[in-house]
Amino acid sequence: GSEMCIRDRPERIGMHEVFPIVAGRASATPVFVLVDERKNFVEAKLPKKAPAAPCAFHGVLARAGEEDRFAFRAKKGRRLSIRVLARNLRSPVDPVLIVRDKAGKALQSNDDASGLDGRLRFTPPADGVYHACVRDHLRRGGPTFFYRLEVGAVPGSAGCNEAVPGRRPED
């Protein structure tokens, strides 16, 4: 077996290009790594109790037609930003993001809000458990169909709306 180590370990929050070193040879192309302060969960090892926002989930759409669901707890009226990163991380997933209630009813969805990745603003109608769901737009899947799903507070949310020139305001 060959050992793997990482050159240029990220030391600050944000997106980083990391070059893995295998058997003494650095990769010619980078692996993109996102570092932030959220509690992170991997699809295969989810906690028994749904975590409270802010949190992030990492998963793979391993089979065609698969929709991954991640439970999170939220407070009534506390506006959340939910986004899925896939294409921005060089994954083949064309993600569709769906928020469902505890019974599985779709409350809100988005496709392609952030370029080819999905993002939405969600205001929970009640305290409780909700599900952030990810599927591929064309229902594809496979071992390389990975993504990152982030649930958190709306940046700078003190009751203000985001203003982006040339775009209509989000509700």
C-alpha atoms as a PDB file:
ATOM      1  CA  GLY A   1       0.000   0.000   0.000  1.00  0.00           C
ATOM      2  CA  SER A   2       1.084   3.551  -0.610  1.00  0.00           C
ATOM      3  CA  GLU A   3       0.874   6.268   1.989  1.00  0.00           C
ATOM      4  CA  MET A   4      -1.045   9.424   1.333  1.00  0.00           C
ATOM      5  CA  CYS A   5      -0.365  12.807   2.868  1.00  0.00           C
ATOM      6  CA  ILE A   6      -1.603  16.296   2.138  1.00  0.00           C
ATOM      7  CA  ARG A   7       0.548  19.233   1.074  1.00  0.00           C
ATOM      8  CA  ASP A   8      -0.659  22.754   1.951  1.00  0.00           C
ATOM      9  CA  ARG A   9      -3.083  21.928   4.774  1.00  0.00           C
ATOM     10  CA  PRO A  10      -5.885  24.535   4.998  1.00  0.00           C
ATOM     11  CA  GLU A  11      -5.546  26.779   8.059  1.00  0.00           C
ATOM     12  CA  ARG A  12      -8.426  29.214   7.503  1.00  0.00           C
ATOM     13  CA  ILE A  13     -12.141  29.046   6.755  1.00  0.00           C
ATOM     14  CA  GLY A  14     -13.107  28.974   3.079  1.00  0.00           C
ATOM     15  CA  MET A  15     -12.605  26.988  -0.132  1.00  0.00           C
ATOM     16  CA  HIS A  16      -9.118  25.556  -0.687  1.00  0.00           C
ATOM     17  CA  GLU A  17      -7.298  23.671  -3.411  1.00  0.00           C
ATOM     18  CA  VAL A  18      -5.468  20.767  -1.771  1.00  0.00           C
ATOM     19  CA  PHE A  19      -2.882  18.664  -3.622  1.00  0.00           C
ATOM     20  CA  PRO A  20      -2.751  15.092  -2.246  1.00  0.00           C
ATOM     21  CA  ILE A  21       0.660  13.406  -2.169  1.00  0.00           C
ATOM     22  CA  VAL A  22       0.670   9.669  -2.871  1.00  0.00           C
ATOM     23  CA  ALA A  23       3.892   7.638  -2.816  1.00  0.00           C
ATOM     24  CA  GLY A  24       5.910  10.875  -2.736  1.00  0.00           C
ATOM     25  CA  ARG A  25       4.217  12.353  -5.835  1.00  0.00           C
ATOM     26  CA  ALA A  26       1.883  15.334  -5.669  1.00  0.00           C
ATOM     27  CA  SER A  27      -1.346  15.273  -7.618  1.00  0.00           C
ATOM     28  CA  ALA A  28      -1.245  17.346 -10.810  1.00  0.00           C
ATOM     29  CA  THR A  29      -4.752  18.625 -10.121  1.00  0.00           C
ATOM     30  CA  PRO A  30      -6.225  19.833  -6.843  1.00  0.00           C
ATOM     31  CA  VAL A  31      -8.948  18.387  -4.687  1.00  0.00           C
ATOM     32  CA  PHE A  32     -11.311  21.155  -3.546  1.00  0.00           C
ATOM     33  CA  VAL A  33     -11.881  21.286   0.211  1.00  0.00           C
ATOM     34  CA  LEU A  34     -14.305  23.560   2.051  1.00  0.00           C
ATOM     35  CA  VAL A  35     -13.473  24.390   5.675  1.00  0.00           C
ATOM     36  CA  ASP A  36     -16.021  26.069   7.966  1.00  0.00           C
ATOM     37  CA  GLU A  37     -17.218  26.123  11.578  1.00  0.00           C
ATOM     38  CA  ARG A  38     -20.398  24.043  11.207  1.00  0.00           C
ATOM     39  CA  LYS A  39     -20.840  20.625  12.776  1.00  0.00           C
ATOM     40  CA  ASN A  40     -20.356  18.188   9.896  1.00  0.00           C
ATOM     41  CA  PHE A  41     -22.059  14.848   9.453  1.00  0.00           C
ATOM     42  CA  VAL A  42     -21.354  12.061   6.961  1.00  0.00           C
ATOM     43  CA  GLU A  43     -24.264  10.240   5.355  1.00  0.00           C
ATOM     44  CA  ALA A  44     -23.118   6.840   6.660  1.00  0.00           C
ATOM     45  CA  LYS A  45     -22.794   8.036  10.291  1.00  0.00           C
ATOM     46  CA  LEU A  46     -25.732  10.324  11.044  1.00  0.00           C
ATOM     47  CA  PRO A  47     -26.645  11.076  14.678  1.00  0.00           C
ATOM     48  CA  LYS A  48     -29.778   9.424  16.103  1.00  0.00           C
ATOM     49  CA  LYS A  49     -31.194  12.831  17.056  1.00  0.00           C
ATOM     50  CA  ALA A  50     -31.546  15.446  14.305  1.00  0.00           C
ATOM     51  CA  PRO A  51     -28.906  18.162  14.801  1.00  0.00           C
ATOM     52  CA  ALA A  52     -29.869  21.812  15.182  1.00  0.00           C
ATOM     53  CA  ALA A  53     -28.880  24.318  12.519  1.00  0.00           C
ATOM     54  CA  PRO A  54     -26.188  25.360  11.702  1.00  0.00           C
ATOM     55  CA  CYS A  55     -24.870  22.043  10.423  1.00  0.00           C
ATOM     56  CA  ALA A  56     -23.599  20.423   7.237  1.00  0.00           C
ATOM     57  CA  PHE A  57     -24.025  16.989   5.697  1.00  0.00           C
ATOM     58  CA  HIS A  58     -21.860  15.112   3.199  1.00  0.00           C
ATOM     59  CA  GLY A  59     -23.290  12.427   0.974  1.00  0.00           C
ATOM     60  CA  VAL A  60     -23.132  10.479  -2.267  1.00  0.00           C
ATOM     61  CA  LEU A  61     -26.009   9.741  -4.630  1.00  0.00           C
ATOM     62  CA  ALA A  62     -24.735   6.205  -5.127  1.00  0.00           C
ATOM     63  CA  ARG A  63     -27.637   4.865  -7.214  1.00  0.00           C
ATOM     64  CA  ALA A  64     -29.720   6.281 -10.056  1.00  0.00           C
ATOM     65  CA  GLY A  65     -32.977   7.786  -8.786  1.00  0.00           C
ATOM     66  CA  GLU A  66     -31.748   8.139  -5.192  1.00  0.00           C
ATOM     67  CA  GLU A  67     -32.854  11.060  -2.989  1.00  0.00           C
ATOM     68  CA  ASP A  68     -30.843  11.598   0.192  1.00  0.00           C
ATOM     69  CA  ARG A  69     -32.672  13.062   3.222  1.00  0.00           C
ATOM     70  CA  PHE A  70     -31.037  14.710   6.218  1.00  0.00           C
ATOM     71  CA  ALA A  71     -33.024  15.629   9.321  1.00  0.00           C
ATOM     72  CA  PHE A  72     -32.333  18.909  11.120  1.00  0.00           C
ATOM     73  CA  ARG A  73     -34.084  20.806  13.916  1.00  0.00           C
ATOM     74  CA  ALA A  74     -35.259  24.378  13.404  1.00  0.00           C
ATOM     75  CA  LYS A  75     -37.188  27.066  15.289  1.00  0.00           C
ATOM     76  CA  LYS A  76     -40.389  28.655  14.032  1.00  0.00           C
ATOM     77  CA  GLY A  77     -39.763  31.856  12.098  1.00  0.00           C
ATOM     78  CA  ARG A  78     -35.946  31.657  12.269  1.00  0.00           C
ATOM     79  CA  ARG A  79     -34.972  32.107   8.612  1.00  0.00           C
ATOM     80  CA  LEU A  80     -32.421  29.599   7.316  1.00  0.00           C
ATOM     81  CA  SER A  81     -30.153  29.474   4.311  1.00  0.00           C
ATOM     82  CA  ILE A  82     -29.888  25.971   2.850  1.00  0.00           C
ATOM     83  CA  ARG A  83     -27.539  25.215  -0.015  1.00  0.00           C
ATOM     84  CA  VAL A  84     -26.095  22.204  -1.736  1.00  0.00           C
ATOM     85  CA  LEU A  85     -22.594  22.283  -3.212  1.00  0.00           C
ATOM     86  CA  ALA A  86     -21.787  19.778  -5.932  1.00  0.00           C
ATOM     87  CA  ARG A  87     -20.775  21.354  -9.243  1.00  0.00           C
ATOM     88  CA  ASN A  88     -18.737  23.977  -7.381  1.00  0.00           C
ATOM     89  CA  LEU A  89     -16.800  21.063  -5.834  1.00  0.00           C
ATOM     90  CA  ARG A  90     -16.352  19.405  -9.275  1.00  0.00           C
ATOM     91  CA  SER A  91     -18.965  16.698  -8.692  1.00  0.00           C
ATOM     92  CA  PRO A  92     -21.114  15.448 -11.602  1.00  0.00           C
ATOM     93  CA  VAL A  93     -24.310  15.956  -9.520  1.00  0.00           C
ATOM     94  CA  ASP A  94     -26.764  18.515 -10.943  1.00  0.00           C
ATOM     95  CA  PRO A  95     -28.452  18.986  -7.566  1.00  0.00           C
ATOM     96  CA  VAL A  96     -32.101  19.621  -6.797  1.00  0.00           C
ATOM     97  CA  LEU A  97     -32.635  20.810  -3.223  1.00  0.00           C
ATOM     98  CA  ILE A  98     -35.934  20.060  -1.462  1.00  0.00           C
ATOM     99  CA  VAL A  99     -37.064  20.863   2.096  1.00  0.00           C
ATOM    100  CA  ARG A 100     -39.656  18.447   3.458  1.00  0.00           C
ATOM    101  CA  ASP A 101     -41.624  18.381   6.695  1.00  0.00           C
ATOM    102  CA  LYS A 102     -41.411  15.457   9.109  1.00  0.00           C
ATOM    103  CA  ALA A 103     -44.150  13.607   7.179  1.00  0.00           C
ATOM    104  CA  GLY A 104     -42.231  13.963   3.893  1.00  0.00           C
ATOM    105  CA  LYS A 105     -44.362  16.699   2.294  1.00  0.00           C
ATOM    106  CA  ALA A 106     -42.308  19.038   0.076  1.00  0.00           C
ATOM    107  CA  LEU A 107     -42.397  22.589   1.474  1.00  0.00           C
ATOM    108  CA  GLN A 108     -39.892  24.285  -0.805  1.00  0.00           C
ATOM    109  CA  SER A 109     -37.409  23.368  -3.561  1.00  0.00           C
ATOM    110  CA  ASN A 110     -34.713  24.876  -5.731  1.00  0.00           C
ATOM    111  CA  ASP A 111     -32.600  23.944  -8.730  1.00  0.00           C
ATOM    112  CA  ASP A 112     -29.706  26.066 -10.011  1.00  0.00           C
ATOM    113  CA  ALA A 113     -29.942  29.108  -7.687  1.00  0.00           C
ATOM    114  CA  SER A 114     -26.168  29.288  -7.266  1.00  0.00           C
ATOM    115  CA  GLY A 115     -24.982  28.618 -10.795  1.00  0.00           C
ATOM    116  CA  LEU A 116     -25.548  24.881 -11.173  1.00  0.00           C
ATOM    117  CA  ASP A 117     -25.894  24.296  -7.418  1.00  0.00           C
ATOM    118  CA  GLY A 118     -29.087  24.824  -5.398  1.00  0.00           C
ATOM    119  CA  ARG A 119     -29.812  27.317  -2.639  1.00  0.00           C
ATOM    120  CA  LEU A 120     -32.941  28.511  -0.885  1.00  0.00           C
ATOM    121  CA  ARG A 121     -34.143  30.551   2.070  1.00  0.00           C
ATOM    122  CA  PHE A 122     -36.453  28.602   4.371  1.00  0.00           C
ATOM    123  CA  THR A 123     -38.546  29.955   7.237  1.00  0.00           C
ATOM    124  CA  PRO A 124     -39.848  27.066   9.367  1.00  0.00           C
ATOM    125  CA  PRO A 125     -43.609  27.350   9.981  1.00  0.00           C
ATOM    126  CA  ALA A 126     -43.237  25.657  13.406  1.00  0.00           C
ATOM    127  CA  ASP A 127     -40.566  24.380  15.797  1.00  0.00           C
ATOM    128  CA  GLY A 128     -39.587  20.888  14.768  1.00  0.00           C
ATOM    129  CA  VAL A 129     -37.678  18.482  12.573  1.00  0.00           C
ATOM    130  CA  TYR A 130     -37.384  19.104   8.840  1.00  0.00           C
ATOM    131  CA  HIS A 131     -35.556  17.238   6.086  1.00  0.00           C
ATOM    132  CA  ALA A 132     -33.139  18.794   3.606  1.00  0.00           C
ATOM    133  CA  CYS A 133     -33.137  16.509   0.573  1.00  0.00           C
ATOM    134  CA  VAL A 134     -30.821  16.198  -2.425  1.00  0.00           C
ATOM    135  CA  ARG A 135     -31.325  14.403  -5.723  1.00  0.00           C
ATOM    136  CA  ASP A 136     -29.808  14.701  -9.179  1.00  0.00           C
ATOM    137  CA  HIS A 137     -31.880  16.669 -11.707  1.00  0.00           C
ATOM    138  CA  LEU A 138     -31.638  13.835 -14.255  1.00  0.00           C
ATOM    139  CA  ARG A 139     -31.947  11.164 -11.504  1.00  0.00           C
ATOM    140  CA  ARG A 140     -28.398   9.920 -12.135  1.00  0.00           C
ATOM    141  CA  GLY A 141     -26.123   8.424  -9.497  1.00  0.00           C
ATOM    142  CA  GLY A 142     -22.835   6.617  -8.925  1.00  0.00           C
ATOM    143  CA  PRO A 143     -19.810   6.481  -6.621  1.00  0.00           C
ATOM    144  CA  THR A 144     -18.497   9.904  -7.762  1.00  0.00           C
ATOM    145  CA  PHE A 145     -21.841  11.746  -7.280  1.00  0.00           C
ATOM    146  CA  PHE A 146     -20.862  13.491  -4.031  1.00  0.00           C
ATOM    147  CA  TYR A 147     -22.153  16.736  -2.511  1.00  0.00           C
ATOM    148  CA  ARG A 148     -22.146  18.933   0.578  1.00  0.00           C
ATOM    149  CA  LEU A 149     -25.411  20.201   2.072  1.00  0.00           C
ATOM    150  CA  GLU A 150     -25.297  23.239   4.387  1.00  0.00           C
ATOM    151  CA  VAL A 151     -28.036  24.406   6.755  1.00  0.00           C
ATOM    152  CA  GLY A 152     -27.473  27.659   8.617  1.00  0.00           C
ATOM    153  CA  ALA A 153     -28.651  31.100   9.580  1.00  0.00           C
ATOM    154  CA  VAL A 154     -29.150  33.608   6.813  1.00  0.00           C
ATOM    155  CA  PRO A 155     -25.947  35.716   6.763  1.00  0.00           C
ATOM    156  CA  GLY A 156     -26.518  39.074   8.474  1.00  0.00           C
ATOM    157  CA  SER A 157     -30.122  38.166   9.202  1.00  0.00           C
ATOM    158  CA  ALA A 158     -31.546  40.802  11.440  1.00  0.00           C
ATOM    159  CA  GLY A 159     -34.752  41.001   9.455  1.00  0.00           C
ATOM    160  CA  CYS A 160     -33.033  42.390   6.347  1.00  0.00           C
ATOM    161  CA  ASN A 161     -33.272  41.059   2.804  1.00  0.00           C
ATOM    162  CA  GLU A 162     -30.366  40.226   0.530  1.00  0.00           C
ATOM    163  CA  ALA A 163     -29.983  42.678  -2.356  1.00  0.00           C
ATOM    164  CA  VAL A 164     -28.144  41.574  -5.481  1.00  0.00           C
ATOM    165  CA  PRO A 165     -28.074  43.974  -8.440  1.00  0.00           C
ATOM    166  CA  GLY A 166     -29.896  42.525 -11.438  1.00  0.00           C
ATOM    167  CA  ARG A 167     -31.759  39.861  -9.444  1.00  0.00           C
ATOM    168  CA  ARG A 168     -35.204  39.924  -7.927  1.00  0.00           C
ATOM    169  CA  PRO A 169     -35.353  39.833  -4.111  1.00  0.00           C
ATOM    170  CA  GLU A 170     -35.800  36.463  -2.414  1.00  0.00           C
ATOM    171  CA  ASP A 171     -38.752  35.965  -0.065  1.00  0.00           C
END
